[in-house]
Every structure is written in C-alpha cells, then in structure tokens.
C-alpha atoms as a PDB file:
ATOM      1  CA  UNK A   1     -25.511  24.061  31.918  1.00  0.00           C
ATOM      2  CA  UNK A   2     -23.491  26.058  29.403  1.00  0.00           C
ATOM      3  CA  UNK A   3     -20.794  23.345  29.473  1.00  0.00           C
ATOM      4  CA  UNK A   4     -23.327  20.599  28.723  1.00  0.00           C
ATOM      5  CA  UNK A   5     -24.744  22.511  25.766  1.00  0.00           C
ATOM      6  CA  UNK A   6     -21.225  23.109  24.453  1.00  0.00           C
ATOM      7  CA  UNK A   7     -20.431  19.384  24.760  1.00  0.00           C
ATOM      8  CA  UNK A   8     -23.637  18.344  22.977  1.00  0.00           C
ATOM      9  CA  UNK A   9     -22.982  20.861  20.170  1.00  0.00           C
ATOM     10  CA  UNK A  10     -19.382  19.651  19.747  1.00  0.00           C
ATOM     11  CA  UNK A  11     -20.532  16.014  19.594  1.00  0.00           C
ATOM     12  CA  UNK A  12     -23.260  16.882  17.073  1.00  0.00           C
ATOM     13  CA  UNK A  13     -20.734  18.635  14.822  1.00  0.00           C
ATOM     14  CA  UNK A  14     -18.275  15.729  15.105  1.00  0.00           C
ATOM     15  CA  UNK A  15     -21.005  13.196  14.287  1.00  0.00           C
ATOM     16  CA  UNK A  16     -22.259  15.232  11.329  1.00  0.00           C
ATOM     17  CA  UNK A  17     -18.753  15.584   9.882  1.00  0.00           C
ATOM     18  CA  UNK A  18     -18.041  11.870  10.341  1.00  0.00           C
ATOM     19  CA  UNK A  19     -21.293  10.828   8.671  1.00  0.00           C
ATOM     20  CA  UNK A  20     -20.746  13.286   5.819  1.00  0.00           C
ATOM     21  CA  UNK A  21     -17.191  12.090   5.201  1.00  0.00           C
ATOM     22  CA  UNK A  22     -18.339   8.485   5.095  1.00  0.00           C
ATOM     23  CA  UNK A  23     -21.334   9.252   2.859  1.00  0.00           C
ATOM     24  CA  UNK A  24     -19.531  11.409   0.263  1.00  0.00           C
ATOM     25  CA  UNK A  25     -17.791   8.505  -1.543  1.00  0.00           C
ATOM     26  CA  UNK A  26     -21.112   6.703  -1.949  1.00  0.00           C
ATOM     27  CA  UNK A  27     -22.836   9.875  -3.124  1.00  0.00           C
ATOM     28  CA  UNK A  28     -20.294  10.544  -5.888  1.00  0.00           C
ATOM     29  CA  UNK A  29     -19.830   6.886  -6.813  1.00  0.00           C
ATOM     30  CA  UNK A  30     -22.541   6.935  -9.467  1.00  0.00           C
ATOM     31  CA  UNK A  31     -21.239  10.163 -10.995  1.00  0.00           C
ATOM     32  CA  UNK A  32     -17.719   8.717 -11.281  1.00  0.00           C
ATOM     33  CA  UNK A  33     -18.757   5.267 -12.476  1.00  0.00           C
ATOM     34  CA  UNK A  34     -18.495   6.254 -16.153  1.00  0.00           C
ATOM     35  CA  UNK A  35     -15.363   8.378 -15.701  1.00  0.00           C
ATOM     36  CA  UNK A  36     -12.430   7.499 -17.954  1.00  0.00           C
ATOM     37  CA  UNK A  37     -10.021   8.875 -15.344  1.00  0.00           C
ATOM     38  CA  UNK A  38     -11.317   6.511 -12.662  1.00  0.00           C
ATOM     39  CA  UNK A  39     -11.093   3.594 -15.097  1.00  0.00           C
ATOM     40  CA  UNK A  40      -7.449   4.494 -15.802  1.00  0.00           C
ATOM     41  CA  UNK A  41      -6.656   4.819 -12.098  1.00  0.00           C
ATOM     42  CA  UNK A  42      -8.288   1.451 -11.446  1.00  0.00           C
ATOM     43  CA  UNK A  43      -6.195  -0.133 -14.194  1.00  0.00           C
ATOM     44  CA  UNK A  44      -2.838   1.452 -13.277  1.00  0.00           C
ATOM     45  CA  UNK A  45      -2.987   1.655  -9.454  1.00  0.00           C
ATOM     46  CA  UNK A  46      -1.732  -1.911  -8.757  1.00  0.00           C
ATOM     47  CA  UNK A  47       1.263  -1.325 -11.033  1.00  0.00           C
ATOM     48  CA  UNK A  48       1.896   2.038  -9.352  1.00  0.00           C
ATOM     49  CA  UNK A  49       1.805   0.494  -5.881  1.00  0.00           C
ATOM     50  CA  UNK A  50       4.229  -2.252  -6.886  1.00  0.00           C
ATOM     51  CA  UNK A  51       6.551   0.278  -8.562  1.00  0.00           C
ATOM     52  CA  UNK A  52       6.650   2.481  -5.461  1.00  0.00           C
ATOM     53  CA  UNK A  53       7.368  -0.580  -3.295  1.00  0.00           C
ATOM     54  CA  UNK A  54      10.181  -1.679  -5.627  1.00  0.00           C
ATOM     55  CA  UNK A  55      11.799   1.769  -5.726  1.00  0.00           C
ATOM     56  CA  UNK A  56      11.598   2.028  -1.927  1.00  0.00           C
ATOM     57  CA  UNK A  57      13.104  -1.437  -1.434  1.00  0.00           C
ATOM     58  CA  UNK A  58      15.921  -0.898  -3.926  1.00  0.00           C
ATOM     59  CA  UNK A  59      16.782   2.587  -2.651  1.00  0.00           C
ATOM     60  CA  UNK A  60      17.599   1.167   0.785  1.00  0.00           C
ATOM     61  CA  UNK A  61      20.297  -1.218  -0.452  1.00  0.00           C
ATOM     62  CA  UNK A  62      23.601  -0.820   1.366  1.00  0.00           C
ATOM     63  CA  UNK A  63      26.210  -1.948  -1.179  1.00  0.00           C
ATOM     64  CA  UNK A  64      29.025  -1.865   1.344  1.00  0.00           C
ATOM     65  CA  UNK A  65      27.666  -4.606   3.545  1.00  0.00           C
ATOM     66  CA  UNK A  66      26.673  -8.268   3.131  1.00  0.00           C
ATOM     67  CA  UNK A  67      24.292  -9.420   1.632  1.00  0.00           C
ATOM     68  CA  UNK A  68      24.554  -6.431  -0.769  1.00  0.00           C
ATOM     69  CA  UNK A  69      20.874  -6.124  -1.691  1.00  0.00           C
ATOM     70  CA  UNK A  70      20.273  -9.761  -2.516  1.00  0.00           C
ATOM     71  CA  UNK A  71      17.090  -9.947  -0.364  1.00  0.00           C
ATOM     72  CA  UNK A  72      15.707  -6.734  -1.878  1.00  0.00           C
ATOM     73  CA  UNK A  73      16.464  -7.748  -5.462  1.00  0.00           C
ATOM     74  CA  UNK A  74      15.026 -11.210  -4.878  1.00  0.00           C
ATOM     75  CA  UNK A  75      11.915  -9.695  -3.288  1.00  0.00           C
ATOM     76  CA  UNK A  76      11.374  -7.439  -6.291  1.00  0.00           C
ATOM     77  CA  UNK A  77      11.939 -10.355  -8.681  1.00  0.00           C
ATOM     78  CA  UNK A  78       9.525 -12.601  -6.774  1.00  0.00           C
ATOM     79  CA  UNK A  79       6.926  -9.810  -6.668  1.00  0.00           C
ATOM     80  CA  UNK A  80       7.211  -9.307 -10.434  1.00  0.00           C
ATOM     81  CA  UNK A  81       7.066 -13.041 -11.144  1.00  0.00           C
ATOM     82  CA  UNK A  82       4.027 -13.651  -8.960  1.00  0.00           C
ATOM     83  CA  UNK A  83       2.264 -10.628 -10.422  1.00  0.00           C
ATOM     84  CA  UNK A  84       2.995 -11.817 -13.960  1.00  0.00           C
ATOM     85  CA  UNK A  85       1.708 -15.266 -13.034  1.00  0.00           C
ATOM     86  CA  UNK A  86      -1.442 -14.399 -11.020  1.00  0.00           C
ATOM     87  CA  UNK A  87      -2.187 -10.719 -11.869  1.00  0.00           C
ATOM     88  CA  UNK A  88      -3.059 -10.109  -8.224  1.00  0.00           C
ATOM     89  CA  UNK A  89      -1.321  -7.097  -6.663  1.00  0.00           C
ATOM     90  CA  UNK A  90      -2.054  -8.060  -3.065  1.00  0.00           C
ATOM     91  CA  UNK A  91      -0.738 -11.597  -3.513  1.00  0.00           C
ATOM     92  CA  UNK A  92       2.323 -10.328  -5.408  1.00  0.00           C
ATOM     93  CA  UNK A  93       3.244  -7.790  -2.748  1.00  0.00           C
ATOM     94  CA  UNK A  94       2.667 -10.268   0.082  1.00  0.00           C
ATOM     95  CA  UNK A  95       4.747 -13.065  -1.454  1.00  0.00           C
ATOM     96  CA  UNK A  96       7.537 -10.690  -2.533  1.00  0.00           C
ATOM     97  CA  UNK A  97       7.687  -9.114   0.920  1.00  0.00           C
ATOM     98  CA  UNK A  98       7.814 -12.524   2.577  1.00  0.00           C
ATOM     99  CA  UNK A  99      10.633 -13.599   0.247  1.00  0.00           C
ATOM    100  CA  UNK A 100      12.590 -10.433   1.015  1.00  0.00           C
ATOM    101  CA  UNK A 101      12.112 -10.799   4.780  1.00  0.00           C
ATOM    102  CA  UNK A 102      13.019 -14.486   4.727  1.00  0.00           C
ATOM    103  CA  UNK A 103      16.237 -13.839   2.799  1.00  0.00           C
ATOM    104  CA  UNK A 104      17.126 -10.783   4.876  1.00  0.00           C
ATOM    105  CA  UNK A 105      16.910 -12.896   8.027  1.00  0.00           C
ATOM    106  CA  UNK A 106      18.727 -15.974   6.705  1.00  0.00           C
ATOM    107  CA  UNK A 107      21.531 -14.615   4.500  1.00  0.00           C
ATOM    108  CA  UNK A 108      23.397 -12.692   7.256  1.00  0.00           C
ATOM    109  CA  UNK A 109      23.432 -15.890   9.326  1.00  0.00           C
ATOM    110  CA  UNK A 110      25.042 -17.806   6.445  1.00  0.00           C
ATOM    111  CA  UNK A 111      27.859 -15.299   5.887  1.00  0.00           C
ATOM    112  CA  UNK A 112      28.522 -13.040   8.873  1.00  0.00           C
END
C-alpha cells in the first residue's frame, strides 16, 4: 500500500507542476501586455532569428572544397530578399533554407 500512495503522490506532483508551467504564461500575459521590453522583443526577434541562422550557415563554409559556400551565400541572399519582400520570418527562413538545400544537392553533381 505504501508503494501505491507513493505513486499517487508522485503523479499528483507531476500533474501540478505541468499545469502550473502551462498556466504561468497565461497568468503573466496581461501584466506583460503593456511592457516596452516585450514590444521590443516582439519587433526584433524575427531579425535575431534570421541573423543567427545566417551566421550559423556562413560559419560552416569550407573554402577549400567545391562549391565554396555558394549554396550558403545564396540561401542567405534568398532569405534576405524574401524577408524584404514579404516581411514574414517563417516564409523567409523556409524559402532560404530550401534554396540552400537545393543548391547544396545540385552543385556538387555539376562539378565533382
């Protein structure tokens, strides 16, 4: 019986923690709605995500081997162009990633 009580207590604690962690963002949402910091984060986060993606992609370029970063540079350029055109971070990242992957898989086949 002691084992059953221990199991029920552990499940109750796990459920309470899960519910609390899911409820906290909604509880503080109203308090943060007027926050200037949150407004700034909301405005700059897409640019930050794209910048981190660009730095990561460009840092992995191997200049000693074909195609010498062409897919990565093209992916960054396409991402920037689509973002400038549509102002949609998700679309920009998706299209730029697809362009990079497509070039990375076709350019080595053109010039081994």
